[in-house]
């Protein structure tokens, strides 16, 4: 790739989250599915029986394809969707919350050194099972806004992760994500729908239909819970910035702001301290790798 550019990959529970960076600037982000056996992207090659090394170009954005070093040609059949190029481990950074998927990437890119949660955040020794995605998100939020911070990651799970003014982990909480909650009633009951969609904004609290009732119950209780966690964090760290991230982060950020508007007059102050930042984990990786974190 071009001088100063590097690639980072956050392996999530359901998707691969990619970013192309130039030093610590996020130039482009995209998501793909996990490596798969059924289409040849993961698993032995047909001819050798060995796992093909390198990053499949089919997972890359067009911009990354244009920045591949001329001296590192793709490997494999040029007409095959699994054509790869060999990444310089110094310029390909990986973190994962899915051990099996990480092992696939270790086989494809033998030189990589995956990032751990203890690499990313101080105080993790007291919470040894903290996911690296949460640690990196907190580090990235602090890189942008300084300590203290609270990160609310709205994905398959909804997580709260806080760090204090000294940059140390201050604890957190986990609950099922909003889409999981919307789907679970339909999968565990005989007559409730399983295709309830996530609304773009807070629905009517008192619904007159089953789907609307599920939306109202899930959204209003989640948003009230987020509101409670934020208020409690501000009692402990009054200066903490709150960063929403994750696939449903933008929707829940907007819903929490609307909820706050209905609750009291301090909306202007609150708006300035609640943000949605999609790329916060990649900011965390950049901060860690380039030594520009806000830990001092």
Foldseek 3Di string as FASTA:
>chain_A
DDPQKFKEWEAEPFWIWIFIDRQLRTPDIDIGGFQDDPQLLFAADPPPRATAAAHQCLGPDVVVVVPPDPVFDWDDDPVGSRTGTADDQLRYEYEYPDVVSVVRNCRRHVPHDYDALVLQFAACVVVVPDGNLLSLLCQLVCLVVNDWAWEFEAEQKTKIWTAHNLGHTDDIDIDGHLLCQLQVVCVPDDPQDRPQDADLEAADLDDDDRSSPSNNVSLVVVLVVVVVVVVVVCVVVVPYAYEYEYDCRVSSLRHNLVVVVVVDDCSVVVVVRYYYDHCSSSSSVSCSSSVSTNND
